[in-house]
Protein backbone atom coordinates (compact mmCIF):
# COMPACT_ATOMS: atom_id res chain seq x y z
CA MET A 1 -3.57 -22.00 -9.26
CA ARG A 2 -0.76 -20.45 -11.30
CA ALA A 3 2.77 -21.25 -10.12
CA LEU A 4 3.48 -17.59 -9.39
CA VAL A 5 0.47 -17.24 -7.15
CA ALA A 6 1.47 -20.41 -5.33
CA SER A 7 4.94 -19.00 -4.70
CA LEU A 8 3.43 -15.78 -3.38
CA ALA A 9 1.24 -17.65 -0.95
CA ALA A 10 4.16 -19.74 0.24
CA GLY A 11 6.43 -16.74 0.64
CA LEU A 12 3.83 -14.40 2.14
CA ILE A 13 4.41 -11.67 -0.42
CA LEU A 14 3.63 -8.82 1.93
CA ALA A 15 4.74 -10.26 5.21
CA GLY A 16 8.23 -11.58 5.63
CA CYS A 17 7.05 -12.87 9.01
CA SER A 18 6.07 -16.02 10.82
CA SER A 19 2.51 -16.81 11.85
CA GLY A 20 1.30 -17.52 15.32
CA SER A 21 1.51 -15.73 18.66
CA ASP A 22 0.88 -16.58 22.30
CA GLU A 23 -0.80 -13.23 22.76
CA THR A 24 -4.40 -13.26 21.66
CA ALA A 25 -5.75 -9.86 22.67
CA ALA A 26 -4.66 -6.77 20.79
CA LYS A 27 -5.11 -3.31 22.24
CA ARG A 28 -7.79 -1.16 20.61
CA GLY A 29 -9.97 -3.86 19.19
CA ALA A 30 -8.06 -6.44 17.13
CA GLY A 31 -10.99 -8.84 17.37
CA GLY A 32 -13.40 -6.49 15.62
CA GLY A 33 -15.10 -4.47 18.33
CA GLY A 34 -18.02 -2.27 17.49
CA GLY A 35 -20.24 -4.83 15.80
CA SER A 36 -20.55 -5.67 12.12
CA SER A 37 -22.09 -3.96 9.09
CA SER A 38 -24.13 -6.75 7.52
CA SER A 39 -25.14 -4.53 4.57
CA LEU A 40 -21.63 -4.53 3.07
CA ARG A 41 -20.48 -7.08 0.51
CA LEU A 42 -18.02 -7.53 -2.35
CA GLU A 43 -19.02 -7.46 -6.00
CA ARG A 44 -16.65 -9.03 -8.52
CA VAL A 45 -15.46 -6.63 -11.22
CA VAL A 46 -12.95 -8.79 -13.11
CA SER A 47 -11.12 -12.07 -12.57
CA GLY A 48 -8.43 -14.14 -14.27
CA LEU A 49 -5.69 -11.51 -13.91
CA ASP A 50 -2.04 -12.47 -13.46
CA SER A 51 -1.13 -11.58 -9.85
CA PRO A 52 -2.73 -8.13 -9.55
CA LEU A 53 -1.27 -5.88 -6.84
CA TYR A 54 -3.01 -2.51 -7.17
CA VAL A 55 -5.93 -0.74 -8.85
CA THR A 56 -6.78 2.88 -9.54
CA THR A 57 -8.48 5.23 -12.04
CA GLU A 58 -7.48 8.41 -13.81
CA PRO A 59 -8.00 11.62 -11.82
CA GLY A 60 -11.62 12.71 -12.12
CA GLU A 61 -12.76 9.40 -13.61
CA THR A 62 -14.54 6.31 -12.29
CA SER A 63 -13.66 4.10 -15.24
CA PRO A 64 -11.81 2.41 -16.73
CA LEU A 65 -9.81 0.66 -14.01
CA TYR A 66 -6.03 0.44 -14.27
CA VAL A 67 -4.65 -2.70 -12.64
CA VAL A 68 -0.99 -3.29 -11.75
CA LEU A 69 0.27 -6.82 -12.41
CA GLN A 70 3.30 -7.94 -10.42
CA VAL A 71 5.10 -9.26 -13.50
CA GLY A 72 5.53 -5.72 -14.86
CA GLU A 73 2.35 -4.76 -16.68
CA ILE A 74 -0.51 -2.33 -16.16
CA VAL A 75 -3.73 -3.47 -17.82
CA VAL A 76 -6.96 -1.59 -18.45
CA VAL A 77 -10.32 -3.05 -17.41
CA GLU A 78 -13.53 -1.80 -19.04
CA ASP A 79 -16.96 -3.33 -18.43
CA GLY A 80 -15.42 -6.35 -16.75
CA ALA A 81 -13.04 -7.14 -19.62
CA VAL A 82 -9.31 -6.49 -20.09
CA ARG A 83 -8.18 -4.51 -23.12
CA PRO A 84 -6.00 -6.63 -25.42
CA GLU A 85 -3.16 -4.09 -25.36
CA PRO A 86 -1.58 -3.32 -21.96
CA PHE A 87 -1.29 0.29 -20.85
CA LEU A 88 2.34 -0.38 -19.84
CA ASP A 89 4.61 -3.41 -20.34
CA ILE A 90 8.04 -3.25 -18.68
CA ARG A 91 8.39 -6.95 -17.88
CA ASP A 92 11.96 -6.97 -19.20
CA GLU A 93 12.97 -4.36 -16.61
CA VAL A 94 11.29 -5.88 -13.55
CA ALA A 95 12.41 -8.57 -11.11
CA SER A 96 9.17 -10.33 -10.17
CA GLY A 97 8.31 -12.92 -7.54
CA GLY A 98 8.03 -13.09 -3.76
CA GLU A 99 7.85 -9.46 -2.63
CA GLN A 100 9.41 -8.04 -5.80
CA GLY A 101 7.78 -6.78 -8.97
CA LEU A 102 5.85 -3.83 -10.32
CA LEU A 103 4.31 -2.75 -7.02
CA SER A 104 2.10 0.30 -7.67
CA PHE A 105 1.66 3.42 -9.73
CA ALA A 106 0.06 6.85 -9.51
CA PHE A 107 -1.36 9.27 -12.03
CA ASP A 108 -0.18 12.86 -11.80
CA PRO A 109 -2.98 15.04 -10.34
CA ASP A 110 -2.75 17.09 -13.58
CA TYR A 111 -2.69 13.98 -15.78
CA ARG A 112 -5.32 15.24 -18.20
CA LYS A 113 -2.96 18.05 -19.22
CA ASN A 114 0.53 16.64 -18.77
CA ARG A 115 -0.10 12.87 -19.29
CA ARG A 116 2.39 12.04 -16.54
CA LEU A 117 2.29 8.91 -14.41
CA TYR A 118 4.68 7.26 -11.96
CA VAL A 119 5.57 3.63 -11.25
CA ASP A 120 7.44 1.88 -8.43
CA TYR A 121 9.15 -1.42 -9.13
CA THR A 122 12.13 -3.59 -8.27
CA ASP A 123 14.54 -3.69 -11.20
CA VAL A 124 16.43 -6.73 -12.47
CA SER A 125 19.06 -6.15 -9.75
CA GLY A 126 16.35 -6.11 -7.07
CA ASN A 127 16.64 -2.39 -6.34
CA THR A 128 13.74 0.06 -6.00
CA ARG A 129 13.13 2.43 -8.87
CA VAL A 130 10.53 5.19 -9.19
CA ILE A 131 10.08 6.24 -12.82
CA GLN A 132 8.04 8.98 -14.44
CA TYR A 133 6.44 8.24 -17.81
CA LYS A 134 4.07 10.02 -20.15
CA ALA A 135 1.09 8.43 -21.83
CA THR A 136 0.37 8.94 -25.50
CA GLU A 137 -1.96 11.77 -26.47
CA ASP A 138 -4.89 9.41 -26.86
CA GLY A 139 -4.16 7.93 -23.42
CA ARG A 140 -4.26 4.35 -24.71
CA ARG A 141 -0.75 3.39 -23.65
CA VAL A 142 2.45 4.62 -22.04
CA ASP A 143 5.24 5.97 -24.24
CA GLU A 144 8.19 4.09 -22.75
CA SER A 145 10.69 6.41 -24.47
CA THR A 146 9.61 9.15 -22.02
CA ALA A 147 11.03 7.31 -18.97
CA ARG A 148 12.62 9.63 -16.42
CA GLY A 149 14.20 8.22 -13.28
CA LEU A 150 13.16 10.02 -10.09
CA LEU A 151 14.48 7.71 -7.37
CA GLU A 152 16.69 4.65 -7.08
CA VAL A 153 17.35 2.91 -3.75
CA ASP A 154 19.59 -0.11 -3.31
CA GLN A 155 17.85 -3.04 -1.64
CA PRO A 156 20.09 -5.27 0.52
CA TYR A 157 17.53 -8.10 0.65
CA ALA A 158 14.66 -9.28 -1.54
CA ASN A 159 11.83 -8.45 0.89
CA HIS A 160 10.30 -5.34 2.50
CA ASN A 161 10.36 -3.18 -0.61
CA GLY A 162 7.38 -0.98 0.29
CA GLY A 163 6.18 0.22 -3.09
CA GLN A 164 3.17 2.50 -2.60
CA LEU A 165 2.99 5.82 -4.45
CA GLU A 166 0.49 8.52 -3.44
CA PHE A 167 0.32 12.25 -4.05
CA GLY A 168 -0.03 14.02 -0.70
CA PRO A 169 -1.86 17.21 0.26
CA ASP A 170 1.49 18.99 -0.19
CA GLY A 171 1.43 18.19 -3.90
CA ARG A 172 4.45 15.91 -3.63
CA LEU A 173 4.72 12.26 -4.59
CA TRP A 174 5.09 10.15 -1.45
CA VAL A 175 6.99 6.87 -1.68
CA GLY A 176 6.77 4.01 0.83
CA MET A 177 10.10 2.31 1.57
CA GLY A 178 10.47 -0.86 3.67
CA ASP A 179 13.41 -1.37 6.03
CA GLY A 180 15.46 -3.27 3.46
CA GLY A 181 14.38 -6.77 4.42
CA SER A 182 15.68 -9.86 6.13
CA GLY A 183 14.10 -10.00 9.63
CA GLY A 184 14.29 -7.66 12.60
CA ASP A 185 15.97 -4.85 10.61
CA PRO A 186 19.45 -6.30 11.23
CA GLU A 187 21.31 -3.16 10.13
CA ASN A 188 18.96 -0.82 12.05
CA ARG A 189 18.03 1.16 8.95
CA ALA A 190 14.50 2.18 9.94
CA GLN A 191 15.69 4.42 12.82
CA ASP A 192 18.68 5.78 10.85
CA LEU A 193 17.90 9.11 9.18
CA GLY A 194 20.98 8.67 7.03
CA GLN A 195 19.18 5.83 5.22
CA ARG A 196 16.21 5.93 2.83
CA LEU A 197 14.97 2.51 3.92
CA GLY A 198 12.18 2.23 6.51
CA LYS A 199 10.89 5.67 5.51
CA LEU A 200 8.17 7.65 3.79
CA LEU A 201 9.85 9.88 1.23
CA ALA A 202 8.37 12.87 -0.61
CA LEU A 203 9.46 13.94 -4.11
CA ASP A 204 8.88 17.24 -5.90
CA VAL A 205 8.24 15.73 -9.34
CA ASP A 206 8.48 19.16 -11.00
CA ALA A 207 12.06 19.70 -9.83
CA PRO A 208 14.82 19.05 -12.41
CA ARG A 209 16.47 16.62 -9.99
CA PRO A 210 13.99 15.65 -7.26
CA GLU A 211 15.68 15.19 -3.90
CA PRO A 212 13.71 12.82 -1.63
CA ALA A 213 12.73 14.39 1.68
CA ILE A 214 12.14 12.11 4.68
CA ARG A 215 8.65 12.70 6.05
CA ALA A 216 8.51 9.69 8.40
CA TYR A 217 10.74 6.88 9.63
CA GLY A 218 10.61 3.83 11.89
CA LEU A 219 8.60 1.75 9.40
CA ARG A 220 9.07 -1.96 8.74
CA ASN A 221 7.16 -2.31 5.48
CA PRO A 222 4.48 0.31 4.71
CA TRP A 223 3.13 -1.82 1.87
CA ARG A 224 0.05 0.35 1.48
CA PHE A 225 -0.62 3.88 2.76
CA SER A 226 -3.09 6.55 1.68
CA PHE A 227 -4.37 10.05 2.31
CA ASP A 228 -7.99 10.68 3.27
CA ARG A 229 -9.25 12.51 0.17
CA GLU A 230 -11.56 14.70 2.29
CA ARG A 231 -9.52 15.45 5.43
CA GLY A 232 -5.97 14.92 4.15
CA ASP A 233 -4.95 12.64 7.03
CA LEU A 234 -2.26 10.01 6.37
CA TRP A 235 -3.16 6.35 7.08
CA ILE A 236 -0.56 3.56 7.01
CA GLY A 237 -0.79 -0.21 7.25
CA ASP A 238 2.68 -1.19 8.47
CA VAL A 239 3.51 -4.90 8.18
CA GLY A 240 4.73 -6.48 11.42
CA GLN A 241 7.45 -8.97 12.29
CA SER A 242 6.31 -12.06 14.20
CA ALA A 243 3.46 -10.92 16.43
CA TRP A 244 1.67 -7.64 15.58
CA GLU A 245 0.26 -5.75 12.60
CA GLU A 246 -0.53 -2.06 12.94
CA VAL A 247 -2.49 0.91 11.62
CA ASP A 248 -0.93 4.36 12.00
CA VAL A 249 -2.47 7.80 11.46
CA VAL A 250 -1.03 11.29 11.10
CA PRO A 251 -3.61 14.11 10.96
CA LEU A 252 -3.26 16.69 8.20
CA GLU A 253 -2.19 19.43 10.59
CA ARG A 254 0.85 17.38 11.66
CA LEU A 255 2.00 16.14 8.26
CA GLY A 256 4.75 18.75 8.22
CA GLU A 257 6.34 17.27 11.35
CA LEU A 258 8.89 14.49 11.17
CA ALA A 259 7.19 11.30 12.45
CA ASN A 260 8.77 8.20 14.01
CA PHE A 261 6.56 5.08 13.93
CA GLY A 262 8.85 3.18 16.24
CA TRP A 263 10.18 0.15 14.35
CA ASP A 264 12.47 -1.66 15.27
CA VAL A 265 12.28 -0.42 18.86
CA PHE A 266 8.58 -1.38 18.89
CA GLU A 267 6.46 -3.88 17.01
CA GLY A 268 2.93 -2.59 17.23
CA MET A 269 2.65 -1.35 20.81
CA LYS A 270 5.09 -3.90 22.25
CA PRO A 271 8.87 -3.45 22.76
CA HIS A 272 10.89 -5.29 20.12
CA GLU A 273 14.48 -4.31 20.89
CA ASP A 274 16.01 -3.00 24.11
CA LYS A 275 17.13 0.39 22.86
CA GLU A 276 15.95 3.98 22.60
CA PRO A 277 14.20 5.32 19.48
CA ASN A 278 15.87 8.02 17.42
CA PRO A 279 14.63 11.21 19.14
CA ALA A 280 14.62 13.40 16.03
CA GLY A 281 10.94 12.88 15.22
CA ARG A 282 7.68 12.71 17.15
CA LEU A 283 7.07 9.12 18.28
CA ILE A 284 3.66 7.90 17.12
CA SER A 285 1.78 4.89 18.49
CA PRO A 286 -0.61 2.83 16.37
CA VAL A 287 -4.33 3.55 16.49
CA ALA A 288 -5.09 -0.14 15.95
CA VAL A 289 -3.20 -3.43 16.07
CA TYR A 290 -4.03 -7.08 15.64
CA SER A 291 -2.06 -10.17 16.58
CA HIS A 292 -0.94 -13.04 14.41
CA ASP A 293 -3.79 -15.06 15.79
CA GLU A 294 -5.87 -12.86 13.44
CA GLY A 295 -3.63 -12.98 10.36
CA CYS A 296 -0.05 -12.48 9.20
CA SER A 297 0.37 -9.32 7.12
CA ILE A 298 -1.66 -6.11 7.04
CA THR A 299 -2.87 -4.62 3.77
CA GLY A 300 -3.60 -0.96 4.30
CA GLY A 301 -6.51 0.68 2.52
CA TYR A 302 -8.43 3.93 2.22
CA VAL A 303 -10.95 6.03 4.08
CA TYR A 304 -14.25 5.51 2.26
CA ARG A 305 -15.52 8.80 0.83
CA GLY A 306 -17.92 7.46 -1.78
CA GLU A 307 -21.65 8.19 -2.06
CA SER A 308 -23.08 4.73 -2.69
CA ILE A 309 -22.65 3.47 0.91
CA PRO A 310 -23.50 6.37 3.28
CA ALA A 311 -23.03 4.24 6.42
CA ALA A 312 -19.40 3.55 5.45
CA ARG A 313 -18.37 7.18 4.91
CA GLY A 314 -15.41 8.23 7.01
CA ARG A 315 -14.34 4.67 7.87
CA TYR A 316 -10.84 3.44 7.04
CA PHE A 317 -10.90 -0.04 5.49
CA TYR A 318 -7.96 -2.42 5.83
CA GLY A 319 -7.41 -6.17 5.86
CA ASP A 320 -5.05 -9.10 6.23
CA TYR A 321 -3.29 -10.83 3.35
CA CYS A 322 -3.38 -14.34 4.87
CA SER A 323 -6.70 -14.56 6.68
CA GLY A 324 -8.62 -12.34 4.25
CA THR A 325 -10.29 -10.61 7.19
CA VAL A 326 -11.35 -7.01 6.53
CA TRP A 327 -11.87 -4.40 9.22
CA SER A 328 -12.97 -0.77 9.17
CA LEU A 329 -12.17 1.97 11.61
CA ALA A 330 -13.50 5.48 12.22
CA ARG A 331 -11.08 8.01 13.66
CA GLY A 332 -11.20 7.74 17.43
CA GLY A 333 -13.30 4.56 17.29
CA GLU A 334 -12.81 0.82 17.57
CA PRO A 335 -12.07 -1.50 14.61
CA ARG A 336 -15.07 -3.40 13.26
CA ARG A 337 -14.74 -6.75 11.54
CA GLU A 338 -16.65 -6.67 8.26
CA PRO A 339 -18.96 -9.51 7.16
CA PHE A 340 -16.92 -10.52 4.10
CA THR A 341 -13.39 -11.74 3.43
CA ALA A 342 -10.95 -11.25 0.56
CA ASN A 343 -8.50 -14.11 0.19
CA LEU A 344 -4.84 -13.14 -0.43
CA LEU A 345 -5.74 -9.45 -0.20
CA SER A 346 -2.93 -7.59 -1.96
CA SER A 347 -4.39 -4.09 -2.08
CA PHE A 348 -7.25 -1.65 -1.92
CA GLY A 349 -7.91 1.10 -4.44
CA GLU A 350 -10.33 3.96 -5.01
CA ASP A 351 -11.83 5.78 -7.94
CA ALA A 352 -12.40 9.50 -8.37
CA ARG A 353 -15.68 9.38 -6.44
CA GLY A 354 -14.13 7.61 -3.47
CA GLU A 355 -15.65 4.20 -4.17
CA LEU A 356 -13.46 1.36 -2.90
CA TYR A 357 -11.99 -1.67 -4.65
CA LEU A 358 -10.21 -4.71 -3.21
CA VAL A 359 -7.59 -6.77 -5.04
CA SER A 360 -6.78 -10.44 -4.55
CA VAL A 361 -3.41 -11.62 -5.84
CA GLN A 362 -5.25 -14.75 -6.99
CA GLY A 363 -6.51 -12.66 -9.91
CA THR A 364 -9.72 -10.85 -8.93
CA VAL A 365 -10.69 -7.21 -8.39
CA PHE A 366 -13.78 -6.55 -6.27
CA ARG A 367 -15.89 -3.45 -5.62
CA LEU A 368 -17.23 -2.68 -2.13
CA VAL A 369 -21.01 -2.32 -2.31
CA GLY A 370 -23.97 -2.08 0.02
CA SER A 371 -26.90 -4.47 -0.08
């Protein structure tokens, strides 16, 4: 195994937490209630990548796949092979290792016309940067001279950088920010609305100087979040501290309300610190949790909206980085443990048809398929 992958495994890239807990039962089905779907399996798409962290496709397309590599590259995968020339190479601008690196990117919804795309990475000083680029006219690579800074946030520690970028139903680019790192949110940033850490921020990318708006707070490390492409609901996998991992949901009709997900007053559904939450936003409890008897660090995913697996439609898929366990959850239902695992699960992704992909930091991208 490459040295970088070994360091990720040792440092728990997504977690920043210890394993083990005396509590073995998690409310709302941590053990995989609701049975198992034996027809689901993983099909390998490509392997041998250098620490992949995210995968996506262009708007309206199902191929090729664009894969984010932690070291600071985006590569293009066609027919199971990687193009020789990377789509983007900013390795000289990225601090990589542990929980730092090039963490995700998003195509502009109008990419076919404006060629815009957006990346989130930790720079050489360890701070979060969100940059807009434009691809060349032929779409083969990114023109790095078009870089436009949209957001920069100082990071006090090297962990809990968040990193996910998703365009929301409001047309804005949403950015996931962790609480700044260390353990236990020592400076209480997640509940402080004067801070950008521990938040979901929204950017109007068409504004001359986008001002980030806080849409949610009380998050420890929302490593991966997504919007249901059919309903518009927001789903978050928020990484826990020492005992609980959680899934949070905000329905479309409440996305305009300020939401408080409770950290560091709560970890999962359990009290973490003896204090009151910031009352500015509506306090939201998780829809699902699992204990550290089941894993160490949640990797949030997507609601499946593809056509190839009808039985999976409407289920939110998520998993654990350490155990490789994958669950799925229908709104209002109980989590179901799936019959496959994905070791060192760094991310999920989806294509334009809503088909799902899973990424292992060990170097492989899988597609979710039915038997």
